[in-house]
Every structure is written in C-alpha cells, then in structure tokens.
Amino acid sequence: MPAGKRPDRYSYVRQMPEPIDLGVSGILRGEMNMDQAGDALIVVMLRTCNGRLTCAEALKHREYVMTKLPRSA
C-alpha cells in the first residue's frame, strides 16, 4: 500500500523536499486554507490511485511502523 508523506513542519519540507508528496505547512503560515489543502490532497490521492508512485516508492524508501495492539483489540 502506498504511503504518502504530508508533514506539517515547514522546516522539514525545506530540509528534505524530495520525499514529500504534499506539503500543507502553508496552512500554519496562512498561505493556504483548509479547502485548498483538501483539494490538493484529493489531487494527490487520485494520482496515486491511478498508478503514480508516491515519493517514498519512487525513492525506494522502505519505512514502516509496527503497531502492537493490546490483547483486548
């Protein structure tokens, strides 16, 4: 399953722009509103659903998170 990266910290986006699929830190700086960010996210999701590789896939990043669920889950 493709993993898209959408950091909210502008400093991270500036330092490492290559693995970022969608930067929405403009919301925090007042350069983008929630509607614009939502529209941009939909565009990225549609492109990914239609076969475009995410940045992580294109760069062959193999990051994952192991989640340990409690026994009651």
Foldseek 3Di string as FASTA:
>chain_A
DADADEDQDPVVCVVDVQQHLDYDVCCVVVNDPPVRSVVSVVVSVVVVVVPDHHSCVVVVPDDDDDDDDDPVD
